[in-house]
Amino acid sequence: MLKNSLWILIWGLASLSGLAQNDRTLIPESYKLQVKFNATALISPQYPGLQAALEHRWVGKRTFIHELGVLRRFPNQLSTWDAQLWGYRLRTGWRWYDKGPNQNRTDFYLSTWIQFKQLFVQEERFIERFGGSFSERMNLEQTRNYAGAYCAAGWQGPMSATSRWEVDVGMGFRYRWVNSSELPDDAIDPRTQVDLNGFGAGNGLFWPDFMLVFSLDFRFNFLLK
């Protein structure tokens, strides 16, 4: 999946680079909606998935945008962590464009976003009991909730009369809170020999509950009248 997604992104970049050379490609002034597909979500090494958005032009250079993504990571994908992970991401934001909606060259914009993400993790593991006297196979479940906000700057350019490419970068913060399945008090993770919630040591060390985040997104956009 990762290899095929990478080829799709490369093909898309090559295609739009040729189309963007046509400076006479006009964006219709009367459009109200853009449907967007986030290509970078397909090749994310952390949480790959499908992500799409809808942007509504409110008035002039100002728009609202709403994006929804479905995330999925399979066991042992780029790691030895044998766990099932899936979830969703919801973003909503506001944009201000440097040019009007009838521009025919690259258009710069600024945006602000708020975001909520929820991940569901399920892992089946042997857990030692009573000082290692015997092991018991247990199903471990965890729900990770993320909420945050960030600002971004980006560019849009024409591919055809009804389509655009888009790239933006952003920075902000996020806060995480976790709900985990309860283990017996005498349960021990055999890999680390420390009392845990069952989902590996160092989770709070490398991914603290409050931290700065950075974003990089590349999208293909299609205009609707």
Foldseek 3Di string as FASTA:
>chain_A
DLVVLVVVVVVVVVLQVVLLVPLPFWADQPFFKKKKWWSVLCNDQPWRWTKIKMWGADDWQKIKMKMKIKTWDAAPRVHNQHKTKIWMKIKIKMKGWPHTRGHRHKIKMKMKMKMKIKMKIWDWDWWAFDVNPDTDIDIKIKMKIKIWMKMKMKIWHDNHRFKIKMKMKIKIKMFMDMDIDQDDPRIADVVPRDDDSPRDPCPCVVPNRIDMDMDITIMMMGTDD
